[in-house]
Amino acid sequence: MNSLYLTTAEQTLFLALPQKIQEGWKVEAENISYEESEAKQRVRCKFMKLSPKIQKSMSSVASAVSPEGMEKWVASLDLQSLTDDDIRELFYALGPVSIGRILERTIPLVQSDTDLEAVAAIAVLRHVIFTPLKK
C-alpha cells in the first residue's frame, strides 16, 4: 500500500479519478496549517542554495518572484535532471500553498500509475518539508 498525503480538496480530486488508478493507494490526511505570503516566499527563495545551472535559471525570475511565477518556473524545469538537493531547495522555496496548487492542477490530469506516482512524490516532499514534527 502506498500513501498519498492529500488535503481535503486534493482528496476530492483523487476520489474523482477512475477506481483502477486509485487501487493500491491509501490517502492520508495532510493537515499543514501555514499562512503564506509573497514576502515569505521571497525570503525562502533568497536563501535557496541551488547548483550553478539552476541558479542561473533562477536569476531570470528572481526579480519578479510571485507564487504564480515560481510555480511556472518550477514547472518549466526538467525535474528528472535535477539533484536531490536542488529539488528539496525548490520545493522549500515553493512552499506548501504553491505545492498544493500544483497538486490541485495535476491530480485531475492523472491517467496512469506513473502519473499518480509523480503526484505522490510531490505530496511526500510537501509533507516531509512542511509538516511539523510530532512531540
N, C-alpha and C. Protein backbone atom coordinates (compact mmCIF):
# COMPACT_ATOMS: atom_id res chain seq x y z
N MET A 1 0.84 -1.18 0.00
CA MET A 1 0.00 0.00 0.00
C MET A 1 0.89 1.24 0.00
N ASN A 2 0.61 2.18 -0.88
CA ASN A 2 1.34 3.43 -0.97
C ASN A 2 0.48 4.55 -0.37
N SER A 3 1.13 5.47 0.33
CA SER A 3 0.39 6.57 0.95
C SER A 3 0.44 7.82 0.09
N LEU A 4 -0.70 8.50 0.06
CA LEU A 4 -0.83 9.81 -0.58
C LEU A 4 -1.19 10.80 0.51
N TYR A 5 -0.37 11.80 0.74
CA TYR A 5 -0.65 12.83 1.75
C TYR A 5 -1.36 13.98 1.06
N LEU A 6 -2.70 14.02 1.21
CA LEU A 6 -3.51 14.99 0.48
C LEU A 6 -4.40 15.80 1.42
N THR A 7 -4.58 17.07 1.06
CA THR A 7 -5.52 17.92 1.77
C THR A 7 -6.94 17.47 1.41
N THR A 8 -7.92 18.03 2.09
CA THR A 8 -9.31 17.68 1.81
C THR A 8 -9.67 17.96 0.35
N ALA A 9 -9.28 19.11 -0.16
CA ALA A 9 -9.57 19.46 -1.56
C ALA A 9 -8.89 18.49 -2.52
N GLU A 10 -7.65 18.13 -2.23
CA GLU A 10 -6.91 17.19 -3.08
C GLU A 10 -7.52 15.80 -3.01
N GLN A 11 -8.01 15.41 -1.84
CA GLN A 11 -8.65 14.10 -1.70
C GLN A 11 -9.89 14.01 -2.58
N THR A 12 -10.66 15.09 -2.65
CA THR A 12 -11.85 15.13 -3.50
C THR A 12 -11.46 14.90 -4.96
N LEU A 13 -10.38 15.53 -5.40
CA LEU A 13 -9.90 15.35 -6.77
C LEU A 13 -9.44 13.92 -7.01
N PHE A 14 -8.72 13.37 -6.03
CA PHE A 14 -8.25 11.98 -6.14
C PHE A 14 -9.41 11.01 -6.25
N LEU A 15 -10.44 11.21 -5.43
CA LEU A 15 -11.59 10.30 -5.43
C LEU A 15 -12.41 10.38 -6.72
N ALA A 16 -12.19 11.43 -7.51
CA ALA A 16 -12.87 11.56 -8.80
C ALA A 16 -12.13 10.80 -9.90
N LEU A 17 -10.93 10.32 -9.61
CA LEU A 17 -10.18 9.53 -10.60
C LEU A 17 -10.80 8.15 -10.74
N PRO A 18 -10.54 7.48 -11.86
CA PRO A 18 -11.06 6.11 -12.02
C PRO A 18 -10.59 5.19 -10.90
N GLN A 19 -11.45 4.28 -10.49
CA GLN A 19 -11.16 3.35 -9.40
C GLN A 19 -9.87 2.57 -9.66
N LYS A 20 -9.62 2.22 -10.92
CA LYS A 20 -8.43 1.45 -11.27
C LYS A 20 -7.15 2.21 -10.89
N ILE A 21 -7.16 3.52 -11.05
CA ILE A 21 -5.99 4.33 -10.70
C ILE A 21 -5.87 4.47 -9.19
N GLN A 22 -6.99 4.52 -8.48
CA GLN A 22 -6.98 4.66 -7.02
C GLN A 22 -6.49 3.39 -6.30
N GLU A 23 -6.63 2.26 -6.95
CA GLU A 23 -6.27 0.99 -6.31
C GLU A 23 -4.83 0.98 -5.85
N GLY A 24 -4.63 0.48 -4.62
CA GLY A 24 -3.29 0.34 -4.08
C GLY A 24 -2.78 1.57 -3.36
N TRP A 25 -3.60 2.61 -3.26
CA TRP A 25 -3.19 3.85 -2.61
C TRP A 25 -4.02 4.09 -1.37
N LYS A 26 -3.37 4.51 -0.32
CA LYS A 26 -4.04 4.87 0.92
C LYS A 26 -3.90 6.37 1.10
N VAL A 27 -5.02 7.05 1.24
CA VAL A 27 -5.00 8.50 1.41
C VAL A 27 -4.80 8.84 2.88
N GLU A 28 -3.79 9.64 3.14
CA GLU A 28 -3.51 10.15 4.49
C GLU A 28 -3.85 11.63 4.50
N ALA A 29 -4.53 12.08 5.53
CA ALA A 29 -4.91 13.49 5.62
C ALA A 29 -3.68 14.37 5.83
N GLU A 30 -3.54 15.36 4.98
CA GLU A 30 -2.46 16.34 5.10
C GLU A 30 -3.04 17.55 5.80
N ASN A 31 -2.52 17.86 6.97
CA ASN A 31 -3.07 18.94 7.78
C ASN A 31 -2.06 20.04 8.05
N ILE A 32 -1.43 20.52 7.02
CA ILE A 32 -0.47 21.61 7.19
C ILE A 32 -1.25 22.90 7.38
N SER A 33 -0.93 23.61 8.42
CA SER A 33 -1.54 24.91 8.68
C SER A 33 -0.44 25.94 8.46
N TYR A 34 -0.54 26.69 7.37
CA TYR A 34 0.56 27.57 7.01
C TYR A 34 -0.01 28.82 6.34
N GLU A 35 0.34 29.97 6.86
CA GLU A 35 -0.08 31.22 6.24
C GLU A 35 1.04 31.68 5.31
N GLU A 36 0.72 31.73 4.03
CA GLU A 36 1.71 32.09 3.01
C GLU A 36 1.59 33.56 2.65
N SER A 37 2.69 34.12 2.24
CA SER A 37 2.71 35.47 1.69
C SER A 37 3.83 35.54 0.66
N GLU A 38 3.74 36.52 -0.22
CA GLU A 38 4.81 36.68 -1.21
C GLU A 38 6.12 37.02 -0.51
N ALA A 39 6.04 37.76 0.59
CA ALA A 39 7.26 38.12 1.32
C ALA A 39 7.94 36.86 1.88
N LYS A 40 7.16 35.94 2.45
CA LYS A 40 7.74 34.70 2.96
C LYS A 40 8.38 33.90 1.83
N GLN A 41 7.69 33.86 0.68
CA GLN A 41 8.24 33.09 -0.43
C GLN A 41 9.53 33.74 -0.94
N ARG A 42 9.55 35.06 -1.00
CA ARG A 42 10.78 35.75 -1.44
C ARG A 42 11.94 35.43 -0.51
N VAL A 43 11.69 35.40 0.80
CA VAL A 43 12.75 35.09 1.75
C VAL A 43 13.24 33.66 1.54
N ARG A 44 12.30 32.73 1.35
CA ARG A 44 12.73 31.33 1.11
C ARG A 44 13.55 31.25 -0.18
N CYS A 45 13.14 31.99 -1.20
CA CYS A 45 13.90 31.98 -2.47
C CYS A 45 15.29 32.57 -2.29
N LYS A 46 15.36 33.63 -1.51
CA LYS A 46 16.64 34.30 -1.29
C LYS A 46 17.67 33.37 -0.66
N PHE A 47 17.21 32.45 0.18
CA PHE A 47 18.14 31.58 0.89
C PHE A 47 18.33 30.22 0.23
N MET A 48 17.79 30.05 -0.98
CA MET A 48 17.99 28.77 -1.68
C MET A 48 19.46 28.59 -2.02
N LYS A 49 19.92 27.37 -1.88
CA LYS A 49 21.28 27.02 -2.28
C LYS A 49 21.15 26.04 -3.44
N LEU A 50 21.19 26.58 -4.65
CA LEU A 50 21.00 25.77 -5.84
C LEU A 50 22.31 25.53 -6.56
N SER A 51 22.33 24.47 -7.36
CA SER A 51 23.50 24.22 -8.19
C SER A 51 23.63 25.38 -9.19
N PRO A 52 24.83 25.64 -9.70
CA PRO A 52 25.04 26.77 -10.61
C PRO A 52 24.09 26.78 -11.81
N LYS A 53 23.83 25.62 -12.37
CA LYS A 53 22.94 25.53 -13.54
C LYS A 53 21.54 26.06 -13.21
N ILE A 54 21.00 25.64 -12.09
CA ILE A 54 19.66 26.06 -11.69
C ILE A 54 19.69 27.50 -11.20
N GLN A 55 20.76 27.89 -10.52
CA GLN A 55 20.88 29.26 -10.04
C GLN A 55 20.81 30.25 -11.20
N LYS A 56 21.46 29.92 -12.30
CA LYS A 56 21.44 30.78 -13.48
C LYS A 56 20.01 30.93 -13.99
N SER A 57 19.28 29.84 -14.04
CA SER A 57 17.89 29.87 -14.48
C SER A 57 17.05 30.69 -13.50
N MET A 58 17.31 30.55 -12.22
CA MET A 58 16.56 31.26 -11.18
C MET A 58 16.75 32.76 -11.30
N SER A 59 17.94 33.20 -11.69
CA SER A 59 18.21 34.63 -11.77
C SER A 59 17.28 35.32 -12.77
N SER A 60 16.76 34.58 -13.73
CA SER A 60 15.85 35.18 -14.72
C SER A 60 14.47 35.47 -14.14
N VAL A 61 14.12 34.86 -13.02
CA VAL A 61 12.81 35.10 -12.42
C VAL A 61 12.92 35.72 -11.03
N ALA A 62 14.11 35.85 -10.50
CA ALA A 62 14.29 36.29 -9.11
C ALA A 62 13.74 37.68 -8.85
N SER A 63 13.81 38.56 -9.82
CA SER A 63 13.37 39.93 -9.57
C SER A 63 11.86 40.05 -9.50
N ALA A 64 11.15 39.08 -10.01
CA ALA A 64 9.69 39.15 -10.02
C ALA A 64 9.07 37.92 -9.37
N VAL A 65 9.59 37.56 -8.21
CA VAL A 65 9.08 36.37 -7.55
C VAL A 65 7.66 36.62 -7.07
N SER A 66 6.80 35.74 -7.49
CA SER A 66 5.43 35.68 -7.01
C SER A 66 5.10 34.20 -6.94
N PRO A 67 4.09 33.84 -6.16
CA PRO A 67 3.75 32.41 -6.12
C PRO A 67 3.50 31.84 -7.52
N GLU A 68 2.76 32.56 -8.33
CA GLU A 68 2.46 32.07 -9.68
C GLU A 68 3.71 31.99 -10.54
N GLY A 69 4.60 32.98 -10.40
CA GLY A 69 5.84 32.98 -11.17
C GLY A 69 6.75 31.82 -10.78
N MET A 70 6.83 31.55 -9.48
CA MET A 70 7.64 30.42 -9.01
C MET A 70 7.08 29.10 -9.52
N GLU A 71 5.76 28.95 -9.43
CA GLU A 71 5.13 27.71 -9.90
C GLU A 71 5.40 27.50 -11.38
N LYS A 72 5.28 28.56 -12.16
CA LYS A 72 5.52 28.48 -13.60
C LYS A 72 6.97 28.12 -13.89
N TRP A 73 7.89 28.76 -13.16
CA TRP A 73 9.31 28.50 -13.36
C TRP A 73 9.64 27.06 -13.02
N VAL A 74 9.17 26.56 -11.88
CA VAL A 74 9.46 25.18 -11.49
C VAL A 74 8.85 24.21 -12.51
N ALA A 75 7.65 24.51 -12.99
CA ALA A 75 7.01 23.65 -13.99
C ALA A 75 7.83 23.60 -15.28
N SER A 76 8.59 24.65 -15.57
CA SER A 76 9.39 24.69 -16.80
C SER A 76 10.68 23.88 -16.69
N LEU A 77 11.07 23.51 -15.47
CA LEU A 77 12.32 22.77 -15.27
C LEU A 77 12.13 21.28 -15.55
N ASP A 78 13.19 20.64 -15.96
CA ASP A 78 13.19 19.19 -16.12
C ASP A 78 13.61 18.61 -14.77
N LEU A 79 12.62 18.28 -13.93
CA LEU A 79 12.90 17.85 -12.57
C LEU A 79 13.73 16.57 -12.52
N GLN A 80 13.62 15.73 -13.53
CA GLN A 80 14.38 14.48 -13.53
C GLN A 80 15.88 14.73 -13.67
N SER A 81 16.25 15.88 -14.20
CA SER A 81 17.68 16.16 -14.38
C SER A 81 18.28 16.88 -13.18
N LEU A 82 17.46 17.20 -12.18
CA LEU A 82 17.95 17.94 -11.01
C LEU A 82 18.49 17.00 -9.93
N THR A 83 19.36 17.54 -9.13
CA THR A 83 19.87 16.78 -7.99
C THR A 83 18.80 16.76 -6.89
N ASP A 84 18.92 15.83 -5.98
CA ASP A 84 18.00 15.77 -4.84
C ASP A 84 18.05 17.07 -4.04
N ASP A 85 19.25 17.62 -3.88
CA ASP A 85 19.40 18.87 -3.13
C ASP A 85 18.65 20.01 -3.82
N ASP A 86 18.76 20.11 -5.15
CA ASP A 86 18.06 21.16 -5.88
C ASP A 86 16.55 21.00 -5.75
N ILE A 87 16.07 19.78 -5.84
CA ILE A 87 14.63 19.53 -5.72
C ILE A 87 14.14 19.95 -4.33
N ARG A 88 14.87 19.57 -3.31
CA ARG A 88 14.48 19.93 -1.94
C ARG A 88 14.45 21.45 -1.78
N GLU A 89 15.45 22.13 -2.29
CA GLU A 89 15.51 23.59 -2.20
C GLU A 89 14.35 24.24 -2.95
N LEU A 90 14.07 23.74 -4.15
CA LEU A 90 12.98 24.30 -4.95
C LEU A 90 11.63 24.13 -4.27
N PHE A 91 11.38 22.94 -3.74
CA PHE A 91 10.09 22.71 -3.10
C PHE A 91 9.97 23.49 -1.80
N TYR A 92 11.07 23.67 -1.10
CA TYR A 92 11.03 24.51 0.09
C TYR A 92 10.67 25.95 -0.31
N ALA A 93 11.29 26.44 -1.37
CA ALA A 93 11.02 27.81 -1.83
C ALA A 93 9.57 27.96 -2.31
N LEU A 94 9.05 26.93 -2.96
CA LEU A 94 7.66 27.00 -3.41
C LEU A 94 6.72 27.17 -2.23
N GLY A 95 6.94 26.40 -1.18
CA GLY A 95 6.06 26.46 -0.02
C GLY A 95 4.85 25.56 -0.19
N PRO A 96 4.18 25.26 0.91
CA PRO A 96 3.07 24.31 0.87
C PRO A 96 1.86 24.80 0.08
N VAL A 97 1.64 26.10 0.06
CA VAL A 97 0.48 26.62 -0.67
C VAL A 97 0.67 26.45 -2.18
N SER A 98 1.82 26.84 -2.68
CA SER A 98 2.09 26.67 -4.12
C SER A 98 2.14 25.20 -4.50
N ILE A 99 2.72 24.38 -3.64
CA ILE A 99 2.76 22.94 -3.92
C ILE A 99 1.33 22.40 -3.98
N GLY A 100 0.48 22.86 -3.09
CA GLY A 100 -0.93 22.45 -3.11
C GLY A 100 -1.62 22.83 -4.41
N ARG A 101 -1.34 24.04 -4.89
CA ARG A 101 -1.95 24.47 -6.17
C ARG A 101 -1.46 23.59 -7.32
N ILE A 102 -0.18 23.23 -7.29
CA ILE A 102 0.36 22.35 -8.32
C ILE A 102 -0.36 21.00 -8.26
N LEU A 103 -0.53 20.47 -7.06
CA LEU A 103 -1.22 19.18 -6.91
C LEU A 103 -2.67 19.28 -7.38
N GLU A 104 -3.34 20.36 -7.05
CA GLU A 104 -4.75 20.52 -7.46
C GLU A 104 -4.89 20.61 -8.97
N ARG A 105 -3.88 21.15 -9.64
CA ARG A 105 -3.93 21.19 -11.12
C ARG A 105 -3.51 19.85 -11.73
N THR A 106 -2.65 19.12 -11.04
CA THR A 106 -2.09 17.88 -11.58
C THR A 106 -2.98 16.66 -11.37
N ILE A 107 -3.59 16.54 -10.21
CA ILE A 107 -4.37 15.34 -9.89
C ILE A 107 -5.45 15.04 -10.94
N PRO A 108 -6.23 16.02 -11.39
CA PRO A 108 -7.25 15.70 -12.40
C PRO A 108 -6.69 15.20 -13.74
N LEU A 109 -5.41 15.43 -13.98
CA LEU A 109 -4.77 15.02 -15.23
C LEU A 109 -4.20 13.61 -15.18
N VAL A 110 -4.22 12.98 -13.98
CA VAL A 110 -3.64 11.66 -13.80
C VAL A 110 -4.37 10.63 -14.66
N GLN A 111 -3.58 9.87 -15.45
CA GLN A 111 -4.15 8.85 -16.32
C GLN A 111 -3.50 7.49 -16.14
N SER A 112 -2.47 7.43 -15.30
CA SER A 112 -1.75 6.17 -15.14
C SER A 112 -1.13 6.10 -13.74
N ASP A 113 -0.65 4.91 -13.40
CA ASP A 113 0.04 4.74 -12.13
C ASP A 113 1.30 5.61 -12.08
N THR A 114 1.97 5.74 -13.20
CA THR A 114 3.18 6.58 -13.26
C THR A 114 2.83 8.03 -12.95
N ASP A 115 1.73 8.52 -13.49
CA ASP A 115 1.29 9.89 -13.20
C ASP A 115 1.01 10.05 -11.71
N LEU A 116 0.34 9.05 -11.13
CA LEU A 116 0.00 9.13 -9.72
C LEU A 116 1.23 9.02 -8.83
N GLU A 117 2.23 8.29 -9.26
CA GLU A 117 3.49 8.21 -8.51
C GLU A 117 4.16 9.59 -8.47
N ALA A 118 4.06 10.35 -9.56
CA ALA A 118 4.63 11.70 -9.58
C ALA A 118 3.87 12.60 -8.60
N VAL A 119 2.55 12.48 -8.58
CA VAL A 119 1.74 13.24 -7.62
C VAL A 119 2.14 12.87 -6.20
N ALA A 120 2.28 11.57 -5.95
CA ALA A 120 2.66 11.10 -4.61
C ALA A 120 4.02 11.67 -4.20
N ALA A 121 4.96 11.72 -5.14
CA ALA A 121 6.30 12.24 -4.82
C ALA A 121 6.23 13.72 -4.42
N ILE A 122 5.43 14.49 -5.14
CA ILE A 122 5.26 15.91 -4.80
C ILE A 122 4.62 16.05 -3.43
N ALA A 123 3.57 15.26 -3.18
CA ALA A 123 2.87 15.33 -1.91
C ALA A 123 3.77 14.91 -0.75
N VAL A 124 4.61 13.90 -0.95
CA VAL A 124 5.53 13.46 0.10
C VAL A 124 6.56 14.54 0.40
N LEU A 125 7.07 15.19 -0.65
CA LEU A 125 8.02 16.28 -0.42
C LEU A 125 7.39 17.37 0.44
N ARG A 126 6.17 17.75 0.09
CA ARG A 126 5.48 18.78 0.89
C ARG A 126 5.32 18.30 2.33
N HIS A 127 4.90 17.06 2.48
CA HIS A 127 4.66 16.50 3.81
C HIS A 127 5.94 16.49 4.65
N VAL A 128 7.01 16.04 4.06
CA VAL A 128 8.29 15.93 4.79
C VAL A 128 8.85 17.31 5.12
N ILE A 129 8.77 18.24 4.20
CA ILE A 129 9.38 19.55 4.40
C ILE A 129 8.55 20.43 5.35
N PHE A 130 7.21 20.36 5.25
CA PHE A 130 6.39 21.34 5.95
C PHE A 130 5.52 20.82 7.09
N THR A 131 5.46 19.54 7.31
CA THR A 131 4.67 19.04 8.42
C THR A 131 5.50 19.15 9.70
N PRO A 132 4.96 19.82 10.72
CA PRO A 132 5.72 19.93 11.96
C PRO A 132 5.98 18.56 12.58
N LEU A 133 7.13 18.44 13.20
CA LEU A 133 7.46 17.18 13.88
C LEU A 133 6.56 16.99 15.09
N LYS A 134 6.12 15.77 15.30
CA LYS A 134 5.29 15.45 16.47
C LYS A 134 6.17 15.32 17.69
N LYS A 135 5.69 15.85 18.79
CA LYS A 135 6.47 15.78 20.04
C LYS A 135 5.96 14.66 20.90
